[in-house]
Amino acid sequence: MSTLEMWQTMWKRHALSAPPDSPATLESMISAYLLLEREAANLPARSFVTIRYEDRIADPHQTIGGRSTAA
């Protein structure tokens, strides 16, 4: 499930109004992702990890639990 699909599902379930226009929603998601990417570059080493969805599904324990937090 993409971020956009997750957002749309939560909106339908919890919001009191119809979801905003889909192109605007997609643009908002893209902007948030790009901002996150820029800000993550400024964090100390090992403070931020990107995990591919395919890796998470293929081996969730190794992908998430197997990552060491030691320096």
PDB file of N, CA and C in Angstrom:
ATOM      1  N   MET A   1       0.849  -1.171   0.000  1.00  0.00           N
ATOM      2  CA  MET A   1       0.000   0.000   0.000  1.00  0.00           C
ATOM      3  C   MET A   1       0.897   1.237   0.000  1.00  0.00           C
ATOM      4  N   SER A   2       0.596   2.134  -0.889  1.00  0.00           N
ATOM      5  CA  SER A   2       1.378   3.363  -0.963  1.00  0.00           C
ATOM      6  C   SER A   2       0.949   4.327   0.139  1.00  0.00           C
ATOM      7  N   THR A   3       1.756   5.349   0.340  1.00  0.00           N
ATOM      8  CA  THR A   3       1.411   6.384   1.314  1.00  0.00           C
ATOM      9  C   THR A   3       0.091   7.038   0.936  1.00  0.00           C
ATOM     10  N   LEU A   4      -0.092   7.286  -0.351  1.00  0.00           N
ATOM     11  CA  LEU A   4      -1.322   7.916  -0.813  1.00  0.00           C
ATOM     12  C   LEU A   4      -2.530   7.023  -0.525  1.00  0.00           C
ATOM     13  N   GLU A   5      -2.422   5.735  -0.812  1.00  0.00           N
ATOM     14  CA  GLU A   5      -3.527   4.814  -0.534  1.00  0.00           C
ATOM     15  C   GLU A   5      -3.829   4.739   0.957  1.00  0.00           C
ATOM     16  N   MET A   6      -2.791   4.704   1.771  1.00  0.00           N
ATOM     17  CA  MET A   6      -2.988   4.667   3.213  1.00  0.00           C
ATOM     18  C   MET A   6      -3.694   5.935   3.690  1.00  0.00           C
ATOM     19  N   TRP A   7      -3.262   7.076   3.205  1.00  0.00           N
ATOM     20  CA  TRP A   7      -3.862   8.345   3.580  1.00  0.00           C
ATOM     21  C   TRP A   7      -5.333   8.389   3.174  1.00  0.00           C
ATOM     22  N   GLN A   8      -5.638   7.942   1.950  1.00  0.00           N
ATOM     23  CA  GLN A   8      -7.018   7.948   1.465  1.00  0.00           C
ATOM     24  C   GLN A   8      -7.894   7.012   2.298  1.00  0.00           C
ATOM     25  N   THR A   9      -7.376   5.853   2.664  1.00  0.00           N
ATOM     26  CA  THR A   9      -8.121   4.910   3.486  1.00  0.00           C
ATOM     27  C   THR A   9      -8.414   5.495   4.857  1.00  0.00           C
ATOM     28  N   MET A  10      -7.417   6.095   5.483  1.00  0.00           N
ATOM     29  CA  MET A  10      -7.629   6.706   6.796  1.00  0.00           C
ATOM     30  C   MET A  10      -8.613   7.868   6.699  1.00  0.00           C
ATOM     31  N   TRP A  11      -8.521   8.661   5.629  1.00  0.00           N
ATOM     32  CA  TRP A  11      -9.422   9.789   5.463  1.00  0.00           C
ATOM     33  C   TRP A  11     -10.873   9.294   5.393  1.00  0.00           C
ATOM     34  N   LYS A  12     -11.122   8.269   4.576  1.00  0.00           N
ATOM     35  CA  LYS A  12     -12.474   7.721   4.426  1.00  0.00           C
ATOM     36  C   LYS A  12     -13.009   7.200   5.757  1.00  0.00           C
ATOM     37  N   ARG A  13     -12.152   6.618   6.543  1.00  0.00           N
ATOM     38  CA  ARG A  13     -12.568   6.005   7.801  1.00  0.00           C
ATOM     39  C   ARG A  13     -12.777   7.030   8.913  1.00  0.00           C
ATOM     40  N   HIS A  14     -11.951   8.075   8.976  1.00  0.00           N
ATOM     41  CA  HIS A  14     -11.939   8.951  10.144  1.00  0.00           C
ATOM     42  C   HIS A  14     -12.372  10.398   9.889  1.00  0.00           C
ATOM     43  N   ALA A  15     -12.372  10.864   8.655  1.00  0.00           N
ATOM     44  CA  ALA A  15     -12.686  12.276   8.386  1.00  0.00           C
ATOM     45  C   ALA A  15     -14.191  12.523   8.376  1.00  0.00           C
ATOM     46  N   LEU A  16     -14.551  13.756   8.619  1.00  0.00           N
ATOM     47  CA  LEU A  16     -15.960  14.140   8.607  1.00  0.00           C
ATOM     48  C   LEU A  16     -16.371  14.769   7.280  1.00  0.00           C
ATOM     49  N   SER A  17     -15.454  14.811   6.340  1.00  0.00           N
ATOM     50  CA  SER A  17     -15.752  15.390   5.030  1.00  0.00           C
ATOM     51  C   SER A  17     -15.142  14.513   3.927  1.00  0.00           C
ATOM     52  N   ALA A  18     -15.499  14.823   2.718  1.00  0.00           N
ATOM     53  CA  ALA A  18     -14.949  14.091   1.574  1.00  0.00           C
ATOM     54  C   ALA A  18     -13.457  14.389   1.448  1.00  0.00           C
ATOM     55  N   PRO A  19     -12.676  13.444   0.935  1.00  0.00           N
ATOM     56  CA  PRO A  19     -11.241  13.704   0.768  1.00  0.00           C
ATOM     57  C   PRO A  19     -10.999  14.818  -0.245  1.00  0.00           C
ATOM     58  N   PRO A  20      -9.904  15.555  -0.080  1.00  0.00           N
ATOM     59  CA  PRO A  20      -9.574  16.612  -1.038  1.00  0.00           C
ATOM     60  C   PRO A  20      -9.307  16.038  -2.424  1.00  0.00           C
ATOM     61  N   ASP A  21      -9.256  16.909  -3.386  1.00  0.00           N
ATOM     62  CA  ASP A  21      -8.970  16.532  -4.765  1.00  0.00           C
ATOM     63  C   ASP A  21      -7.726  15.648  -4.842  1.00  0.00           C
ATOM     64  N   SER A  22      -7.806  14.529  -5.523  1.00  0.00           N
ATOM     65  CA  SER A  22      -6.710  13.561  -5.577  1.00  0.00           C
ATOM     66  C   SER A  22      -5.395  14.128  -6.116  1.00  0.00           C
ATOM     67  N   PRO A  23      -5.386  14.907  -7.213  1.00  0.00           N
ATOM     68  CA  PRO A  23      -4.100  15.469  -7.667  1.00  0.00           C
ATOM     69  C   PRO A  23      -3.445  16.355  -6.609  1.00  0.00           C
ATOM     70  N   ALA A  24      -4.245  17.114  -5.878  1.00  0.00           N
ATOM     71  CA  ALA A  24      -3.688  17.956  -4.815  1.00  0.00           C
ATOM     72  C   ALA A  24      -3.127  17.091  -3.688  1.00  0.00           C
ATOM     73  N   THR A  25      -3.810  16.012  -3.392  1.00  0.00           N
ATOM     74  CA  THR A  25      -3.347  15.092  -2.354  1.00  0.00           C
ATOM     75  C   THR A  25      -2.023  14.457  -2.763  1.00  0.00           C
ATOM     76  N   LEU A  26      -1.943  14.021  -3.991  1.00  0.00           N
ATOM     77  CA  LEU A  26      -0.699  13.417  -4.483  1.00  0.00           C
ATOM     78  C   LEU A  26       0.441  14.425  -4.431  1.00  0.00           C
ATOM     79  N   GLU A  27       0.186  15.649  -4.845  1.00  0.00           N
ATOM     80  CA  GLU A  27       1.220  16.698  -4.802  1.00  0.00           C
ATOM     81  C   GLU A  27       1.682  16.947  -3.368  1.00  0.00           C
ATOM     82  N   SER A  28       0.743  16.918  -2.440  1.00  0.00           N
ATOM     83  CA  SER A  28       1.074  17.108  -1.026  1.00  0.00           C
ATOM     84  C   SER A  28       1.964  15.977  -0.521  1.00  0.00           C
ATOM     85  N   MET A  29       1.658  14.742  -0.901  1.00  0.00           N
ATOM     86  CA  MET A  29       2.465  13.587  -0.486  1.00  0.00           C
ATOM     87  C   MET A  29       3.882  13.677  -1.056  1.00  0.00           C
ATOM     88  N   ILE A  30       3.981  14.069  -2.308  1.00  0.00           N
ATOM     89  CA  ILE A  30       5.299  14.202  -2.945  1.00  0.00           C
ATOM     90  C   ILE A  30       6.113  15.294  -2.258  1.00  0.00           C
ATOM     91  N   SER A  31       5.475  16.426  -1.959  1.00  0.00           N
ATOM     92  CA  SER A  31       6.173  17.520  -1.278  1.00  0.00           C
ATOM     93  C   SER A  31       6.659  17.094   0.102  1.00  0.00           C
ATOM     94  N   ALA A  32       5.816  16.370   0.833  1.00  0.00           N
ATOM     95  CA  ALA A  32       6.205  15.900   2.162  1.00  0.00           C
ATOM     96  C   ALA A  32       7.377  14.925   2.073  1.00  0.00           C
ATOM     97  N   TYR A  33       7.365  14.044   1.086  1.00  0.00           N
ATOM     98  CA  TYR A  33       8.453  13.083   0.915  1.00  0.00           C
ATOM     99  C   TYR A  33       9.766  13.796   0.589  1.00  0.00           C
ATOM    100  N   LEU A  34       9.704  14.764  -0.305  1.00  0.00           N
ATOM    101  CA  LEU A  34      10.923  15.499  -0.675  1.00  0.00           C
ATOM    102  C   LEU A  34      11.473  16.289   0.504  1.00  0.00           C
ATOM    103  N   LEU A  35      10.593  16.871   1.299  1.00  0.00           N
ATOM    104  CA  LEU A  35      11.029  17.577   2.502  1.00  0.00           C
ATOM    105  C   LEU A  35      11.688  16.608   3.484  1.00  0.00           C
ATOM    106  N   LEU A  36      11.080  15.465   3.685  1.00  0.00           N
ATOM    107  CA  LEU A  36      11.656  14.450   4.569  1.00  0.00           C
ATOM    108  C   LEU A  36      13.041  14.031   4.092  1.00  0.00           C
ATOM    109  N   GLU A  37      13.181  13.818   2.796  1.00  0.00           N
ATOM    110  CA  GLU A  37      14.478  13.435   2.231  1.00  0.00           C
ATOM    111  C   GLU A  37      15.538  14.517   2.492  1.00  0.00           C
ATOM    112  N   ARG A  38      15.191  15.781   2.287  1.00  0.00           N
ATOM    113  CA  ARG A  38      16.135  16.879   2.529  1.00  0.00           C
ATOM    114  C   ARG A  38      16.512  16.978   4.002  1.00  0.00           C
ATOM    115  N   GLU A  39      15.525  16.893   4.882  1.00  0.00           N
ATOM    116  CA  GLU A  39      15.783  17.011   6.317  1.00  0.00           C
ATOM    117  C   GLU A  39      16.573  15.814   6.853  1.00  0.00           C
ATOM    118  N   ALA A  40      16.316  14.632   6.337  1.00  0.00           N
ATOM    119  CA  ALA A  40      17.031  13.433   6.784  1.00  0.00           C
ATOM    120  C   ALA A  40      18.527  13.551   6.494  1.00  0.00           C
ATOM    121  N   ALA A  41      18.878  14.235   5.431  1.00  0.00           N
ATOM    122  CA  ALA A  41      20.293  14.414   5.081  1.00  0.00           C
ATOM    123  C   ALA A  41      21.033  15.224   6.142  1.00  0.00           C
ATOM    124  N   ASN A  42      20.307  16.007   6.942  1.00  0.00           N
ATOM    125  CA  ASN A  42      20.930  16.830   7.980  1.00  0.00           C
ATOM    126  C   ASN A  42      21.018  16.140   9.340  1.00  0.00           C
ATOM    127  N   LEU A  43      20.487  14.945   9.449  1.00  0.00           N
ATOM    128  CA  LEU A  43      20.511  14.221  10.721  1.00  0.00           C
ATOM    129  C   LEU A  43      21.871  13.565  10.948  1.00  0.00           C
ATOM    130  N   PRO A  44      22.222  13.310  12.206  1.00  0.00           N
ATOM    131  CA  PRO A  44      23.462  12.577  12.478  1.00  0.00           C
ATOM    132  C   PRO A  44      23.412  11.178  11.841  1.00  0.00           C
ATOM    133  N   ALA A  45      24.584  10.661  11.546  1.00  0.00           N
ATOM    134  CA  ALA A  45      24.682   9.326  10.947  1.00  0.00           C
ATOM    135  C   ALA A  45      23.909   8.319  11.780  1.00  0.00           C
ATOM    136  N   ARG A  46      23.248   7.396  11.108  1.00  0.00           N
ATOM    137  CA  ARG A  46      22.503   6.290  11.713  1.00  0.00           C
ATOM    138  C   ARG A  46      21.254   6.743  12.480  1.00  0.00           C
ATOM    139  N   SER A  47      20.809   7.967  12.258  1.00  0.00           N
ATOM    140  CA  SER A  47      19.593   8.454  12.915  1.00  0.00           C
ATOM    141  C   SER A  47      18.355   8.238  12.051  1.00  0.00           C
ATOM    142  N   PHE A  48      18.567   7.914  10.796  1.00  0.00           N
ATOM    143  CA  PHE A  48      17.467   7.763   9.859  1.00  0.00           C
ATOM    144  C   PHE A  48      17.780   6.591   8.940  1.00  0.00           C
ATOM    145  N   VAL A  49      16.811   5.727   8.741  1.00  0.00           N
ATOM    146  CA  VAL A  49      17.008   4.558   7.880  1.00  0.00           C
ATOM    147  C   VAL A  49      15.877   4.502   6.869  1.00  0.00           C
ATOM    148  N   THR A  50      16.201   4.247   5.630  1.00  0.00           N
ATOM    149  CA  THR A  50      15.198   4.029   4.597  1.00  0.00           C
ATOM    150  C   THR A  50      15.101   2.533   4.355  1.00  0.00           C
ATOM    151  N   ILE A  51      13.884   2.031   4.403  1.00  0.00           N
ATOM    152  CA  ILE A  51      13.646   0.599   4.194  1.00  0.00           C
ATOM    153  C   ILE A  51      12.735   0.443   2.988  1.00  0.00           C
ATOM    154  N   ARG A  52      13.184  -0.357   2.035  1.00  0.00           N
ATOM    155  CA  ARG A  52      12.347  -0.625   0.863  1.00  0.00           C
ATOM    156  C   ARG A  52      11.184  -1.543   1.253  1.00  0.00           C
ATOM    157  N   TYR A  53      10.025  -1.271   0.721  1.00  0.00           N
ATOM    158  CA  TYR A  53       8.840  -2.080   1.003  1.00  0.00           C
ATOM    159  C   TYR A  53       9.091  -3.551   0.655  1.00  0.00           C
ATOM    160  N   GLU A  54       9.728  -3.789  -0.491  1.00  0.00           N
ATOM    161  CA  GLU A  54       9.991  -5.162  -0.932  1.00  0.00           C
ATOM    162  C   GLU A  54      10.868  -5.910   0.070  1.00  0.00           C
ATOM    163  N   ASP A  55      11.865  -5.227   0.651  1.00  0.00           N
ATOM    164  CA  ASP A  55      12.724  -5.857   1.662  1.00  0.00           C
ATOM    165  C   ASP A  55      11.940  -6.149   2.932  1.00  0.00           C
ATOM    166  N   ARG A  56      11.095  -5.221   3.304  1.00  0.00           N
ATOM    167  CA  ARG A  56      10.279  -5.383   4.522  1.00  0.00           C
ATOM    168  C   ARG A  56       9.347  -6.583   4.399  1.00  0.00           C
ATOM    169  N   ILE A  57       8.728  -6.752   3.243  1.00  0.00           N
ATOM    170  CA  ILE A  57       7.813  -7.868   3.018  1.00  0.00           C
ATOM    171  C   ILE A  57       8.576  -9.191   2.904  1.00  0.00           C
ATOM    172  N   ALA A  58       9.711  -9.183   2.228  1.00  0.00           N
ATOM    173  CA  ALA A  58      10.479 -10.405   2.009  1.00  0.00           C
ATOM    174  C   ALA A  58      11.027 -10.984   3.309  1.00  0.00           C
ATOM    175  N   ASP A  59      11.533 -10.143   4.203  1.00  0.00           N
ATOM    176  CA  ASP A  59      12.129 -10.624   5.457  1.00  0.00           C
ATOM    177  C   ASP A  59      11.977  -9.557   6.536  1.00  0.00           C
ATOM    178  N   PRO A  60      10.773  -9.463   7.122  1.00  0.00           N
ATOM    179  CA  PRO A  60      10.516  -8.373   8.068  1.00  0.00           C
ATOM    180  C   PRO A  60      11.422  -8.384   9.294  1.00  0.00           C
ATOM    181  N   HIS A  61      11.708  -9.530   9.835  1.00  0.00           N
ATOM    182  CA  HIS A  61      12.531  -9.590  11.057  1.00  0.00           C
ATOM    183  C   HIS A  61      13.964  -9.138  10.780  1.00  0.00           C
ATOM    184  N   GLN A  62      14.528  -9.585   9.693  1.00  0.00           N
ATOM    185  CA  GLN A  62      15.899  -9.176   9.365  1.00  0.00           C
ATOM    186  C   GLN A  62      15.942  -7.717   8.943  1.00  0.00           C
ATOM    187  N   THR A  63      14.947  -7.294   8.166  1.00  0.00           N
ATOM    188  CA  THR A  63      14.937  -5.932   7.660  1.00  0.00           C
ATOM    189  C   THR A  63      14.820  -4.911   8.776  1.00  0.00           C
ATOM    190  N   ILE A  64      13.952  -5.168   9.733  1.00  0.00           N
ATOM    191  CA  ILE A  64      13.724  -4.202  10.813  1.00  0.00           C
ATOM    192  C   ILE A  64      14.466  -4.599  12.078  1.00  0.00           C
ATOM    193  N   GLY A  65      14.251  -5.810  12.547  1.00  0.00           N
ATOM    194  CA  GLY A  65      14.843  -6.246  13.799  1.00  0.00           C
ATOM    195  C   GLY A  65      16.337  -6.527  13.698  1.00  0.00           C
ATOM    196  N   GLY A  66      16.804  -6.847  12.509  1.00  0.00           N
ATOM    197  CA  GLY A  66      18.199  -7.216  12.352  1.00  0.00           C
ATOM    198  C   GLY A  66      19.152  -6.052  12.235  1.00  0.00           C
ATOM    199  N   ARG A  67      18.629  -4.845  12.152  1.00  0.00           N
ATOM    200  CA  ARG A  67      19.482  -3.662  12.030  1.00  0.00           C
ATOM    201  C   ARG A  67      20.050  -3.298  13.388  1.00  0.00           C
ATOM    202  N   SER A  68      21.326  -3.159  13.443  1.00  0.00           N
ATOM    203  CA  SER A  68      21.980  -2.814  14.699  1.00  0.00           C
ATOM    204  C   SER A  68      21.892  -1.313  14.935  1.00  0.00           C
ATOM    205  N   THR A  69      21.706  -0.930  16.182  1.00  0.00           N
ATOM    206  CA  THR A  69      21.693   0.492  16.521  1.00  0.00           C
ATOM    207  C   THR A  69      23.024   0.923  17.112  1.00  0.00           C
ATOM    208  N   ALA A  70      23.937  -0.004  17.251  1.00  0.00           N
ATOM    209  CA  ALA A  70      25.265   0.337  17.798  1.00  0.00           C
ATOM    210  C   ALA A  70      26.062   1.100  16.746  1.00  0.00           C
ATOM    211  N   ALA A  71      26.919   1.979  17.208  1.00  0.00           N
ATOM    212  CA  ALA A  71      27.743   2.771  16.288  1.00  0.00           C
ATOM    213  C   ALA A  71      28.845   1.952  15.683  1.00  0.00           C
TER     214      ALA A  71
END
